[in-house]
Amino acid sequence: MPGRDIWRPDAEVAHAFKGSSDVFSGIYGTDSGVGSLAAGECVVDFERFRKLSEVAIDRFTASDQGILRSLSLGFIATALVLIDRAGHPAPAMPGPAQELAWAALRDQHARAMPV
């Protein structure tokens, strides 16, 4: 539902996530869909955000760069929580085992993300 809160991070976390979204958007050459932070809030275009998340998962799966994978892990898990809470379908996964692993990490992150 548009306009509802799906996460209320503190300011430091909000800035870190917005920055991560911008970084991965630049690396992967796709718009993040995450709007500017204003008064601790931002609007997310979930069509574009889901696309960034899908590309990040694809690149995570294909990469042999351990540090990039490590840096991507938290961003992807957090993105999956936001996509789920907003009622949008999860990005395509490379297979059932990966889908289960990402779902478990998503659920773990969700417990640490206040609404």
PDB file of N, CA and C in Angstrom:
ATOM      1  N   MET A   1       0.846  -1.174   0.000  1.00  0.00           N
ATOM      2  CA  MET A   1       0.000   0.000   0.000  1.00  0.00           C
ATOM      3  C   MET A   1       0.894   1.241   0.000  1.00  0.00           C
ATOM      4  N   PRO A   2       0.713   2.155  -0.946  1.00  0.00           N
ATOM      5  CA  PRO A   2       1.536   3.363  -1.007  1.00  0.00           C
ATOM      6  C   PRO A   2       1.396   4.205   0.245  1.00  0.00           C
ATOM      7  N   GLY A   3       2.507   4.775   0.665  1.00  0.00           N
ATOM      8  CA  GLY A   3       2.493   5.687   1.778  1.00  0.00           C
ATOM      9  C   GLY A   3       2.573   5.067   3.156  1.00  0.00           C
ATOM     10  N   ARG A   4       2.708   3.764   3.241  1.00  0.00           N
ATOM     11  CA  ARG A   4       2.787   3.176   4.573  1.00  0.00           C
ATOM     12  C   ARG A   4       4.247   2.906   4.935  1.00  0.00           C
ATOM     13  N   ASP A   5       4.502   2.939   6.225  1.00  0.00           N
ATOM     14  CA  ASP A   5       5.857   2.661   6.712  1.00  0.00           C
ATOM     15  C   ASP A   5       6.124   1.167   6.651  1.00  0.00           C
ATOM     16  N   ILE A   6       7.265   0.807   6.092  1.00  0.00           N
ATOM     17  CA  ILE A   6       7.653  -0.600   6.079  1.00  0.00           C
ATOM     18  C   ILE A   6       8.965  -0.816   6.830  1.00  0.00           C
ATOM     19  N   TRP A   7       9.598   0.297   7.233  1.00  0.00           N
ATOM     20  CA  TRP A   7      10.826   0.214   8.019  1.00  0.00           C
ATOM     21  C   TRP A   7      11.090   1.581   8.615  1.00  0.00           C
ATOM     22  N   ARG A   8      11.475   1.615   9.878  1.00  0.00           N
ATOM     23  CA  ARG A   8      11.798   2.858  10.560  1.00  0.00           C
ATOM     24  C   ARG A   8      13.208   2.765  11.151  1.00  0.00           C
ATOM     25  N   PRO A   9      14.219   2.802  10.298  1.00  0.00           N
ATOM     26  CA  PRO A   9      15.594   2.731  10.821  1.00  0.00           C
ATOM     27  C   PRO A   9      15.988   4.057  11.461  1.00  0.00           C
ATOM     28  N   ASP A  10      16.993   3.996  12.334  1.00  0.00           N
ATOM     29  CA  ASP A  10      17.497   5.260  12.857  1.00  0.00           C
ATOM     30  C   ASP A  10      18.239   5.975  11.724  1.00  0.00           C
ATOM     31  N   ALA A  11      18.555   7.237  11.938  1.00  0.00           N
ATOM     32  CA  ALA A  11      19.121   8.079  10.878  1.00  0.00           C
ATOM     33  C   ALA A  11      20.418   7.505  10.294  1.00  0.00           C
ATOM     34  N   GLU A  12      21.276   7.010  11.158  1.00  0.00           N
ATOM     35  CA  GLU A  12      22.560   6.465  10.702  1.00  0.00           C
ATOM     36  C   GLU A  12      22.355   5.271   9.775  1.00  0.00           C
ATOM     37  N   VAL A  13      21.458   4.390  10.146  1.00  0.00           N
ATOM     38  CA  VAL A  13      21.174   3.202   9.333  1.00  0.00           C
ATOM     39  C   VAL A  13      20.497   3.603   8.028  1.00  0.00           C
ATOM     40  N   ALA A  14      19.578   4.558   8.099  1.00  0.00           N
ATOM     41  CA  ALA A  14      18.899   5.030   6.892  1.00  0.00           C
ATOM     42  C   ALA A  14      19.909   5.581   5.889  1.00  0.00           C
ATOM     43  N   HIS A  15      20.844   6.371   6.359  1.00  0.00           N
ATOM     44  CA  HIS A  15      21.873   6.934   5.472  1.00  0.00           C
ATOM     45  C   HIS A  15      22.778   5.839   4.908  1.00  0.00           C
ATOM     46  N   ALA A  16      23.119   4.874   5.729  1.00  0.00           N
ATOM     47  CA  ALA A  16      23.962   3.776   5.252  1.00  0.00           C
ATOM     48  C   ALA A  16      23.244   2.965   4.176  1.00  0.00           C
ATOM     49  N   PHE A  17      21.958   2.691   4.375  1.00  0.00           N
ATOM     50  CA  PHE A  17      21.222   1.921   3.372  1.00  0.00           C
ATOM     51  C   PHE A  17      21.033   2.724   2.090  1.00  0.00           C
ATOM     52  N   LYS A  18      20.702   3.993   2.211  1.00  0.00           N
ATOM     53  CA  LYS A  18      20.559   4.845   1.026  1.00  0.00           C
ATOM     54  C   LYS A  18      21.882   4.894   0.271  1.00  0.00           C
ATOM     55  N   GLY A  19      22.991   5.056   0.993  1.00  0.00           N
ATOM     56  CA  GLY A  19      24.306   5.077   0.356  1.00  0.00           C
ATOM     57  C   GLY A  19      24.624   3.759  -0.331  1.00  0.00           C
ATOM     58  N   SER A  20      24.296   2.657   0.319  1.00  0.00           N
ATOM     59  CA  SER A  20      24.521   1.338  -0.286  1.00  0.00           C
ATOM     60  C   SER A  20      23.696   1.178  -1.557  1.00  0.00           C
ATOM     61  N   SER A  21      22.456   1.629  -1.509  1.00  0.00           N
ATOM     62  CA  SER A  21      21.600   1.560  -2.699  1.00  0.00           C
ATOM     63  C   SER A  21      22.216   2.336  -3.849  1.00  0.00           C
ATOM     64  N   ASP A  22      22.738   3.526  -3.542  1.00  0.00           N
ATOM     65  CA  ASP A  22      23.367   4.352  -4.578  1.00  0.00           C
ATOM     66  C   ASP A  22      24.631   3.692  -5.129  1.00  0.00           C
ATOM     67  N   VAL A  23      25.426   3.110  -4.245  1.00  0.00           N
ATOM     68  CA  VAL A  23      26.663   2.451  -4.677  1.00  0.00           C
ATOM     69  C   VAL A  23      26.355   1.270  -5.593  1.00  0.00           C
ATOM     70  N   PHE A  24      25.461   0.386  -5.165  1.00  0.00           N
ATOM     71  CA  PHE A  24      25.147  -0.784  -5.993  1.00  0.00           C
ATOM     72  C   PHE A  24      24.446  -0.383  -7.278  1.00  0.00           C
ATOM     73  N   SER A  25      23.658   0.671  -7.225  1.00  0.00           N
ATOM     74  CA  SER A  25      23.036   1.194  -8.432  1.00  0.00           C
ATOM     75  C   SER A  25      24.109   1.618  -9.435  1.00  0.00           C
ATOM     76  N   GLY A  26      25.128   2.309  -8.958  1.00  0.00           N
ATOM     77  CA  GLY A  26      26.226   2.739  -9.826  1.00  0.00           C
ATOM     78  C   GLY A  26      27.048   1.584 -10.360  1.00  0.00           C
ATOM     79  N   ILE A  27      27.347   0.623  -9.510  1.00  0.00           N
ATOM     80  CA  ILE A  27      28.139  -0.537  -9.927  1.00  0.00           C
ATOM     81  C   ILE A  27      27.412  -1.333 -10.995  1.00  0.00           C
ATOM     82  N   TYR A  28      26.111  -1.536 -10.806  1.00  0.00           N
ATOM     83  CA  TYR A  28      25.347  -2.411 -11.685  1.00  0.00           C
ATOM     84  C   TYR A  28      24.643  -1.673 -12.813  1.00  0.00           C
ATOM     85  N   GLY A  29      24.779  -0.343 -12.853  1.00  0.00           N
ATOM     86  CA  GLY A  29      24.238   0.433 -13.956  1.00  0.00           C
ATOM     87  C   GLY A  29      22.726   0.422 -14.063  1.00  0.00           C
ATOM     88  N   THR A  30      22.048   0.390 -12.919  1.00  0.00           N
ATOM     89  CA  THR A  30      20.588   0.446 -12.913  1.00  0.00           C
ATOM     90  C   THR A  30      20.136   1.382 -11.803  1.00  0.00           C
ATOM     91  N   ASP A  31      19.053   2.071 -12.013  1.00  0.00           N
ATOM     92  CA  ASP A  31      18.539   3.011 -11.023  1.00  0.00           C
ATOM     93  C   ASP A  31      18.150   2.263  -9.753  1.00  0.00           C
ATOM     94  N   SER A  32      18.385   2.880  -8.603  1.00  0.00           N
ATOM     95  CA  SER A  32      18.076   2.200  -7.340  1.00  0.00           C
ATOM     96  C   SER A  32      16.598   2.224  -7.001  1.00  0.00           C
ATOM     97  N   GLY A  33      15.901   3.256  -7.414  1.00  0.00           N
ATOM     98  CA  GLY A  33      14.503   3.396  -7.026  1.00  0.00           C
ATOM     99  C   GLY A  33      14.332   3.937  -5.614  1.00  0.00           C
ATOM    100  N   VAL A  34      15.422   4.190  -4.909  1.00  0.00           N
ATOM    101  CA  VAL A  34      15.355   4.705  -3.541  1.00  0.00           C
ATOM    102  C   VAL A  34      15.483   6.225  -3.605  1.00  0.00           C
ATOM    103  N   GLY A  35      14.432   6.911  -3.171  1.00  0.00           N
ATOM    104  CA  GLY A  35      14.406   8.367  -3.230  1.00  0.00           C
ATOM    105  C   GLY A  35      15.321   9.003  -2.199  1.00  0.00           C
ATOM    106  N   SER A  36      15.392  10.312  -2.253  1.00  0.00           N
ATOM    107  CA  SER A  36      16.211  11.083  -1.311  1.00  0.00           C
ATOM    108  C   SER A  36      15.637  10.985   0.095  1.00  0.00           C
ATOM    109  N   LEU A  37      16.541  11.031   1.064  1.00  0.00           N
ATOM    110  CA  LEU A  37      16.114  11.055   2.464  1.00  0.00           C
ATOM    111  C   LEU A  37      15.699  12.473   2.822  1.00  0.00           C
ATOM    112  N   ALA A  38      14.522  12.596   3.393  1.00  0.00           N
ATOM    113  CA  ALA A  38      14.033  13.889   3.865  1.00  0.00           C
ATOM    114  C   ALA A  38      13.309  13.648   5.189  1.00  0.00           C
ATOM    115  N   ALA A  39      13.787  14.300   6.221  1.00  0.00           N
ATOM    116  CA  ALA A  39      13.204  14.134   7.555  1.00  0.00           C
ATOM    117  C   ALA A  39      13.161  12.664   7.962  1.00  0.00           C
ATOM    118  N   GLY A  40      14.203  11.916   7.603  1.00  0.00           N
ATOM    119  CA  GLY A  40      14.314  10.511   7.991  1.00  0.00           C
ATOM    120  C   GLY A  40      13.445   9.561   7.193  1.00  0.00           C
ATOM    121  N   GLU A  41      12.862  10.030   6.092  1.00  0.00           N
ATOM    122  CA  GLU A  41      12.001   9.179   5.284  1.00  0.00           C
ATOM    123  C   GLU A  41      12.408   9.251   3.822  1.00  0.00           C
ATOM    124  N   CYS A  42      12.060   8.224   3.087  1.00  0.00           N
ATOM    125  CA  CYS A  42      12.246   8.262   1.642  1.00  0.00           C
ATOM    126  C   CYS A  42      11.174   7.401   0.994  1.00  0.00           C
ATOM    127  N   VAL A  43      10.940   7.684  -0.255  1.00  0.00           N
ATOM    128  CA  VAL A  43       9.975   6.926  -1.039  1.00  0.00           C
ATOM    129  C   VAL A  43      10.761   5.960  -1.915  1.00  0.00           C
ATOM    130  N   VAL A  44      10.253   4.739  -2.024  1.00  0.00           N
ATOM    131  CA  VAL A  44      10.913   3.721  -2.836  1.00  0.00           C
ATOM    132  C   VAL A  44      10.012   3.378  -4.014  1.00  0.00           C
ATOM    133  N   ASP A  45      10.581   3.447  -5.200  1.00  0.00           N
ATOM    134  CA  ASP A  45       9.897   2.967  -6.406  1.00  0.00           C
ATOM    135  C   ASP A  45      10.229   1.489  -6.489  1.00  0.00           C
ATOM    136  N   PHE A  46       9.288   0.630  -6.119  1.00  0.00           N
ATOM    137  CA  PHE A  46       9.589  -0.787  -5.975  1.00  0.00           C
ATOM    138  C   PHE A  46       9.817  -1.507  -7.295  1.00  0.00           C
ATOM    139  N   GLU A  47       9.334  -0.979  -8.381  1.00  0.00           N
ATOM    140  CA  GLU A  47       9.642  -1.596  -9.672  1.00  0.00           C
ATOM    141  C   GLU A  47      11.134  -1.468  -9.967  1.00  0.00           C
ATOM    142  N   ARG A  48      11.674  -0.270  -9.770  1.00  0.00           N
ATOM    143  CA  ARG A  48      13.108  -0.051 -10.012  1.00  0.00           C
ATOM    144  C   ARG A  48      13.959  -0.702  -8.918  1.00  0.00           C
ATOM    145  N   PHE A  49      13.504  -0.615  -7.671  1.00  0.00           N
ATOM    146  CA  PHE A  49      14.251  -1.201  -6.561  1.00  0.00           C
ATOM    147  C   PHE A  49      14.334  -2.721  -6.703  1.00  0.00           C
ATOM    148  N   ARG A  50      13.245  -3.335  -7.118  1.00  0.00           N
ATOM    149  CA  ARG A  50      13.234  -4.784  -7.326  1.00  0.00           C
ATOM    150  C   ARG A  50      14.215  -5.170  -8.427  1.00  0.00           C
ATOM    151  N   LYS A  51      14.293  -4.349  -9.487  1.00  0.00           N
ATOM    152  CA  LYS A  51      15.234  -4.618 -10.580  1.00  0.00           C
ATOM    153  C   LYS A  51      16.670  -4.553 -10.066  1.00  0.00           C
ATOM    154  N   LEU A  52      16.993  -3.528  -9.280  1.00  0.00           N
ATOM    155  CA  LEU A  52      18.337  -3.439  -8.692  1.00  0.00           C
ATOM    156  C   LEU A  52      18.610  -4.665  -7.836  1.00  0.00           C
ATOM    157  N   SER A  53      17.652  -5.068  -7.046  1.00  0.00           N
ATOM    158  CA  SER A  53      17.825  -6.228  -6.166  1.00  0.00           C
ATOM    159  C   SER A  53      18.052  -7.498  -6.977  1.00  0.00           C
ATOM    160  N   GLU A  54      17.315  -7.638  -8.054  1.00  0.00           N
ATOM    161  CA  GLU A  54      17.468  -8.816  -8.919  1.00  0.00           C
ATOM    162  C   GLU A  54      18.862  -8.852  -9.552  1.00  0.00           C
ATOM    163  N   VAL A  55      19.329  -7.708 -10.026  1.00  0.00           N
ATOM    164  CA  VAL A  55      20.679  -7.635 -10.604  1.00  0.00           C
ATOM    165  C   VAL A  55      21.722  -7.944  -9.533  1.00  0.00           C
ATOM    166  N   ALA A  56      21.535  -7.409  -8.324  1.00  0.00           N
ATOM    167  CA  ALA A  56      22.487  -7.657  -7.238  1.00  0.00           C
ATOM    168  C   ALA A  56      22.555  -9.144  -6.901  1.00  0.00           C
ATOM    169  N   ILE A  57      21.411  -9.821  -6.890  1.00  0.00           N
ATOM    170  CA  ILE A  57      21.390 -11.264  -6.620  1.00  0.00           C
ATOM    171  C   ILE A  57      22.089 -12.025  -7.743  1.00  0.00           C
ATOM    172  N   ASP A  58      21.801 -11.660  -8.982  1.00  0.00           N
ATOM    173  CA  ASP A  58      22.453 -12.316 -10.120  1.00  0.00           C
ATOM    174  C   ASP A  58      23.967 -12.156 -10.057  1.00  0.00           C
ATOM    175  N   ARG A  59      24.412 -10.929  -9.778  1.00  0.00           N
ATOM    176  CA  ARG A  59      25.854 -10.670  -9.719  1.00  0.00           C
ATOM    177  C   ARG A  59      26.480 -11.353  -8.511  1.00  0.00           C
ATOM    178  N   PHE A  60      25.769 -11.405  -7.393  1.00  0.00           N
ATOM    179  CA  PHE A  60      26.254 -12.113  -6.211  1.00  0.00           C
ATOM    180  C   PHE A  60      26.496 -13.576  -6.571  1.00  0.00           C
ATOM    181  N   THR A  61      25.537 -14.180  -7.243  1.00  0.00           N
ATOM    182  CA  THR A  61      25.617 -15.589  -7.608  1.00  0.00           C
ATOM    183  C   THR A  61      26.758 -15.858  -8.581  1.00  0.00           C
ATOM    184  N   ALA A  62      26.967 -14.952  -9.521  1.00  0.00           N
ATOM    185  CA  ALA A  62      27.966 -15.160 -10.567  1.00  0.00           C
ATOM    186  C   ALA A  62      29.381 -14.747 -10.169  1.00  0.00           C
ATOM    187  N   SER A  63      29.499 -13.950  -9.114  1.00  0.00           N
ATOM    188  CA  SER A  63      30.798 -13.375  -8.764  1.00  0.00           C
ATOM    189  C   SER A  63      31.686 -14.353  -7.996  1.00  0.00           C
ATOM    190  N   ASP A  64      32.977 -14.239  -8.262  1.00  0.00           N
ATOM    191  CA  ASP A  64      33.945 -14.969  -7.446  1.00  0.00           C
ATOM    192  C   ASP A  64      34.733 -13.986  -6.571  1.00  0.00           C
ATOM    193  N   GLN A  65      34.246 -12.749  -6.503  1.00  0.00           N
ATOM    194  CA  GLN A  65      34.870 -11.700  -5.699  1.00  0.00           C
ATOM    195  C   GLN A  65      34.300 -11.744  -4.286  1.00  0.00           C
ATOM    196  N   GLY A  66      35.039 -12.349  -3.376  1.00  0.00           N
ATOM    197  CA  GLY A  66      34.551 -12.550  -2.013  1.00  0.00           C
ATOM    198  C   GLY A  66      34.152 -11.277  -1.289  1.00  0.00           C
ATOM    199  N   ILE A  67      34.916 -10.217  -1.457  1.00  0.00           N
ATOM    200  CA  ILE A  67      34.603  -8.973  -0.755  1.00  0.00           C
ATOM    201  C   ILE A  67      33.331  -8.345  -1.319  1.00  0.00           C
ATOM    202  N   LEU A  68      33.176  -8.328  -2.639  1.00  0.00           N
ATOM    203  CA  LEU A  68      31.952  -7.790  -3.228  1.00  0.00           C
ATOM    204  C   LEU A  68      30.741  -8.601  -2.771  1.00  0.00           C
ATOM    205  N   ARG A  69      30.889  -9.907  -2.718  1.00  0.00           N
ATOM    206  CA  ARG A  69      29.789 -10.752  -2.238  1.00  0.00           C
ATOM    207  C   ARG A  69      29.461 -10.421  -0.780  1.00  0.00           C
ATOM    208  N   SER A  70      30.477 -10.256   0.033  1.00  0.00           N
ATOM    209  CA  SER A  70      30.273  -9.931   1.437  1.00  0.00           C
ATOM    210  C   SER A  70      29.575  -8.582   1.593  1.00  0.00           C
ATOM    211  N   LEU A  71      30.016  -7.585   0.849  1.00  0.00           N
ATOM    212  CA  LEU A  71      29.390  -6.262   0.920  1.00  0.00           C
ATOM    213  C   LEU A  71      27.950  -6.298   0.411  1.00  0.00           C
ATOM    214  N   SER A  72      27.676  -7.137  -0.561  1.00  0.00           N
ATOM    215  CA  SER A  72      26.341  -7.244  -1.151  1.00  0.00           C
ATOM    216  C   SER A  72      25.351  -7.961  -0.245  1.00  0.00           C
ATOM    217  N   LEU A  73      25.840  -8.854   0.567  1.00  0.00           N
ATOM    218  CA  LEU A  73      24.979  -9.722   1.367  1.00  0.00           C
ATOM    219  C   LEU A  73      23.963  -8.951   2.211  1.00  0.00           C
ATOM    220  N   GLY A  74      24.425  -7.989   2.982  1.00  0.00           N
ATOM    221  CA  GLY A  74      23.526  -7.219   3.839  1.00  0.00           C
ATOM    222  C   GLY A  74      22.555  -6.368   3.048  1.00  0.00           C
ATOM    223  N   PHE A  75      23.046  -5.781   1.955  1.00  0.00           N
ATOM    224  CA  PHE A  75      22.158  -4.975   1.117  1.00  0.00           C
ATOM    225  C   PHE A  75      21.033  -5.833   0.555  1.00  0.00           C
ATOM    226  N   ILE A  76      21.376  -6.987   0.010  1.00  0.00           N
ATOM    227  CA  ILE A  76      20.365  -7.857  -0.599  1.00  0.00           C
ATOM    228  C   ILE A  76      19.367  -8.346   0.445  1.00  0.00           C
ATOM    229  N   ALA A  77      19.847  -8.783   1.587  1.00  0.00           N
ATOM    230  CA  ALA A  77      18.940  -9.273   2.629  1.00  0.00           C
ATOM    231  C   ALA A  77      17.973  -8.181   3.071  1.00  0.00           C
ATOM    232  N   THR A  78      18.469  -6.967   3.253  1.00  0.00           N
ATOM    233  CA  THR A  78      17.624  -5.848   3.647  1.00  0.00           C
ATOM    234  C   THR A  78      16.625  -5.513   2.543  1.00  0.00           C
ATOM    235  N   ALA A  79      17.088  -5.520   1.308  1.00  0.00           N
ATOM    236  CA  ALA A  79      16.208  -5.248   0.165  1.00  0.00           C
ATOM    237  C   ALA A  79      15.082  -6.275   0.103  1.00  0.00           C
ATOM    238  N   LEU A  80      15.398  -7.532   0.343  1.00  0.00           N
ATOM    239  CA  LEU A  80      14.366  -8.569   0.300  1.00  0.00           C
ATOM    240  C   LEU A  80      13.296  -8.358   1.362  1.00  0.00           C
ATOM    241  N   VAL A  81      13.695  -7.868   2.535  1.00  0.00           N
ATOM    242  CA  VAL A  81      12.719  -7.557   3.578  1.00  0.00           C
ATOM    243  C   VAL A  81      11.797  -6.439   3.109  1.00  0.00           C
ATOM    244  N   LEU A  82      12.377  -5.383   2.561  1.00  0.00           N
ATOM    245  CA  LEU A  82      11.572  -4.247   2.120  1.00  0.00           C
ATOM    246  C   LEU A  82      10.608  -4.645   1.007  1.00  0.00           C
ATOM    247  N   ILE A  83      11.088  -5.417   0.065  1.00  0.00           N
ATOM    248  CA  ILE A  83      10.241  -5.878  -1.040  1.00  0.00           C
ATOM    249  C   ILE A  83       9.092  -6.721  -0.502  1.00  0.00           C
ATOM    250  N   ASP A  84       9.398  -7.615   0.426  1.00  0.00           N
ATOM    251  CA  ASP A  84       8.380  -8.477   1.025  1.00  0.00           C
ATOM    252  C   ASP A  84       7.351  -7.653   1.794  1.00  0.00           C
ATOM    253  N   ARG A  85       7.816  -6.738   2.632  1.00  0.00           N
ATOM    254  CA  ARG A  85       6.899  -5.926   3.435  1.00  0.00           C
ATOM    255  C   ARG A  85       6.011  -5.032   2.572  1.00  0.00           C
ATOM    256  N   ALA A  86       6.522  -4.621   1.426  1.00  0.00           N
ATOM    257  CA  ALA A  86       5.738  -3.769   0.529  1.00  0.00           C
ATOM    258  C   ALA A  86       4.738  -4.586  -0.290  1.00  0.00           C
ATOM    259  N   GLY A  87       4.805  -5.918  -0.163  1.00  0.00           N
ATOM    260  CA  GLY A  87       3.853  -6.773  -0.865  1.00  0.00           C
ATOM    261  C   GLY A  87       4.196  -7.036  -2.315  1.00  0.00           C
ATOM    262  N   HIS A  88       5.451  -6.866  -2.669  1.00  0.00           N
ATOM    263  CA  HIS A  88       5.887  -7.126  -4.037  1.00  0.00           C
ATOM    264  C   HIS A  88       6.537  -8.501  -4.121  1.00  0.00           C
ATOM    265  N   PRO A  89       6.514  -9.130  -5.285  1.00  0.00           N
ATOM    266  CA  PRO A  89       7.155 -10.440  -5.421  1.00  0.00           C
ATOM    267  C   PRO A  89       8.674 -10.322  -5.289  1.00  0.00           C
ATOM    268  N   ALA A  90       9.253 -11.337  -4.717  1.00  0.00           N
ATOM    269  CA  ALA A  90      10.711 -11.373  -4.578  1.00  0.00           C
ATOM    270  C   ALA A  90      11.356 -11.454  -5.956  1.00  0.00           C
ATOM    271  N   PRO A  91      12.576 -10.931  -6.076  1.00  0.00           N
ATOM    272  CA  PRO A  91      13.288 -11.084  -7.340  1.00  0.00           C
ATOM    273  C   PRO A  91      13.487 -12.562  -7.673  1.00  0.00           C
ATOM    274  N   ALA A  92      13.663 -12.843  -8.945  1.00  0.00           N
ATOM    275  CA  ALA A  92      13.925 -14.216  -9.375  1.00  0.00           C
ATOM    276  C   ALA A  92      15.207 -14.716  -8.722  1.00  0.00           C
ATOM    277  N   MET A  93      15.171 -15.953  -8.303  1.00  0.00           N
ATOM    278  CA  MET A  93      16.330 -16.582  -7.672  1.00  0.00           C
ATOM    279  C   MET A  93      16.919 -17.617  -8.630  1.00  0.00           C
ATOM    280  N   PRO A  94      18.211 -17.890  -8.487  1.00  0.00           N
ATOM    281  CA  PRO A  94      18.864 -18.829  -9.405  1.00  0.00           C
ATOM    282  C   PRO A  94      18.473 -20.293  -9.206  1.00  0.00           C
ATOM    283  N   GLY A  95      17.788 -20.611  -8.143  1.00  0.00           N
ATOM    284  CA  GLY A  95      17.374 -21.996  -7.909  1.00  0.00           C
ATOM    285  C   GLY A  95      16.723 -22.137  -6.554  1.00  0.00           C
ATOM    286  N   PRO A  96      16.106 -23.294  -6.298  1.00  0.00           N
ATOM    287  CA  PRO A  96      15.376 -23.484  -5.041  1.00  0.00           C
ATOM    288  C   PRO A  96      16.250 -23.405  -3.792  1.00  0.00           C
ATOM    289  N   ALA A  97      17.459 -23.921  -3.868  1.00  0.00           N
ATOM    290  CA  ALA A  97      18.342 -23.868  -2.695  1.00  0.00           C
ATOM    291  C   ALA A  97      18.690 -22.416  -2.355  1.00  0.00           C
ATOM    292  N   GLN A  98      18.977 -21.617  -3.376  1.00  0.00           N
ATOM    293  CA  GLN A  98      19.291 -20.209  -3.145  1.00  0.00           C
ATOM    294  C   GLN A  98      18.060 -19.460  -2.641  1.00  0.00           C
ATOM    295  N   GLU A  99      16.890 -19.820  -3.164  1.00  0.00           N
ATOM    296  CA  GLU A  99      15.660 -19.178  -2.713  1.00  0.00           C
ATOM    297  C   GLU A  99      15.449 -19.421  -1.218  1.00  0.00           C
ATOM    298  N   LEU A 100      15.680 -20.645  -0.766  1.00  0.00           N
ATOM    299  CA  LEU A 100      15.546 -20.961   0.659  1.00  0.00           C
ATOM    300  C   LEU A 100      16.587 -20.222   1.497  1.00  0.00           C
ATOM    301  N   ALA A 101      17.813 -20.164   1.011  1.00  0.00           N
ATOM    302  CA  ALA A 101      18.880 -19.485   1.755  1.00  0.00           C
ATOM    303  C   ALA A 101      18.590 -17.986   1.875  1.00  0.00           C
ATOM    304  N   TRP A 102      18.169 -17.352   0.780  1.00  0.00           N
ATOM    305  CA  TRP A 102      17.852 -15.916   0.822  1.00  0.00           C
ATOM    306  C   TRP A 102      16.638 -15.664   1.708  1.00  0.00           C
ATOM    307  N   ALA A 103      15.637 -16.538   1.673  1.00  0.00           N
ATOM    308  CA  ALA A 103      14.447 -16.372   2.514  1.00  0.00           C
ATOM    309  C   ALA A 103      14.830 -16.438   3.992  1.00  0.00           C
ATOM    310  N   ALA A 104      15.721 -17.349   4.342  1.00  0.00           N
ATOM    311  CA  ALA A 104      16.159 -17.469   5.739  1.00  0.00           C
ATOM    312  C   ALA A 104      16.909 -16.205   6.167  1.00  0.00           C
ATOM    313  N   LEU A 105      17.781 -15.692   5.305  1.00  0.00           N
ATOM    314  CA  LEU A 105      18.519 -14.468   5.641  1.00  0.00           C
ATOM    315  C   LEU A 105      17.570 -13.270   5.696  1.00  0.00           C
ATOM    316  N   ARG A 106      16.603 -13.223   4.772  1.00  0.00           N
ATOM    317  CA  ARG A 106      15.588 -12.162   4.793  1.00  0.00           C
ATOM    318  C   ARG A 106      14.851 -12.171   6.130  1.00  0.00           C
ATOM    319  N   ASP A 107      14.404 -13.342   6.555  1.00  0.00           N
ATOM    320  CA  ASP A 107      13.654 -13.454   7.806  1.00  0.00           C
ATOM    321  C   ASP A 107      14.504 -13.051   9.009  1.00  0.00           C
ATOM    322  N   GLN A 108      15.777 -13.405   8.988  1.00  0.00           N
ATOM    323  CA  GLN A 108      16.683 -13.013  10.068  1.00  0.00           C
ATOM    324  C   GLN A 108      16.820 -11.484  10.109  1.00  0.00           C
ATOM    325  N   HIS A 109      17.005 -10.878   8.959  1.00  0.00           N
ATOM    326  CA  HIS A 109      17.118  -9.416   8.905  1.00  0.00           C
ATOM    327  C   HIS A 109      15.826  -8.733   9.341  1.00  0.00           C
ATOM    328  N   ALA A 110      14.686  -9.300   8.953  1.00  0.00           N
ATOM    329  CA  ALA A 110      13.398  -8.691   9.269  1.00  0.00           C
ATOM    330  C   ALA A 110      13.224  -8.490  10.770  1.00  0.00           C
ATOM    331  N   ARG A 111      13.732  -9.407  11.555  1.00  0.00           N
ATOM    332  CA  ARG A 111      13.614  -9.295  13.010  1.00  0.00           C
ATOM    333  C   ARG A 111      14.378  -8.099  13.574  1.00  0.00           C
ATOM    334  N   ALA A 112      15.365  -7.614  12.826  1.00  0.00           N
ATOM    335  CA  ALA A 112      16.167  -6.479  13.279  1.00  0.00           C
ATOM    336  C   ALA A 112      15.763  -5.161  12.617  1.00  0.00           C
ATOM    337  N   MET A 113      14.657  -5.183  11.867  1.00  0.00           N
ATOM    338  CA  MET A 113      14.221  -3.986  11.120  1.00  0.00           C
ATOM    339  C   MET A 113      12.866  -3.508  11.657  1.00  0.00           C
ATOM    340  N   PRO A 114      12.877  -2.544  12.581  1.00  0.00           N
ATOM    341  CA  PRO A 114      11.612  -2.078  13.160  1.00  0.00           C
ATOM    342  C   PRO A 114      10.719  -1.394  12.150  1.00  0.00           C
ATOM    343  N   VAL A 115       9.416  -1.577  12.362  1.00  0.00           N
ATOM    344  CA  VAL A 115       8.422  -0.928  11.501  1.00  0.00           C
ATOM    345  C   VAL A 115       7.846   0.257  12.253  1.00  0.00           C
TER     346      VAL A 115
END
